[in-house]
Amino acid sequence: AQRVAWSLVLLAVLVTLGQAWGQVAVALRNPRARRLLAVSTLLIGVNWFVYLHAVSTDRIVHASLGYFITPLVSVLLGLVVLGERPRPLQGLALLLAVAGVAVLVAVAGMLPWIAAVLACTFGCYGLVRKLAPVEALVGLTIETALLTPLALAYLAWLAVAGESSFGTVDAATPWLLIGSGAATAVPLFCFGAAARRL
């Protein structure tokens, strides 16, 4: 919730500095853009939630495996949905990557659900963001704004329950929480920009 809220603050500043509020309004008036951004919001929301669950339950290896598998999901979606065809060396690289993932899954004895959910949600997120007719900053701002009411409701519930960590744990925690906005928004902005160009 903190990541979402502080990401929106940062993105609002960037949209203001880039004078992109008009682009946000245009995207919100476009029915196709609204539908695709609603889907991408759901995908990234689930992805963030599962990732944070993995971190808080000491399943970092499962989360890492999920993000290691994500490019394979992206390639599969490119083949099936976008009709892309790999060149011979790309096909060889793909086979080597699949073999590497197969070894990791075999060593683990199973494909952990966390890895599967993270790979599928982030792979599908990349596809939807590629198809959405909006620039990276505009799309990420709208996605984050859609998640913010849920984030603020949860933060309010924590505050009422006396479980808020903002300003109650130590002096560094609020700054780390604020910094989580940049740590979340900047990579996703770069990812969204790259997805549009691929």
Foldseek 3Di string as FASTA:
>chain_A
DLLLVLLLVVLVVVCVVVVPVVLLVVLVVDVLLVVLLVLLLVLVVQLVVLCVVCVVVVNVVLLVLLVLCQVVLLVVCCCPPVVDDDDPVVVVVSVVSVVVSVVVCVVVVHNDPSSVSNSNSVSVSLVSLLVRPGALSSSVSVSSVVCVVVVVVVQVVCVVVVNHPQPPPDDCVVVVSSVSNVVPNVVSSVSSNVSNVD
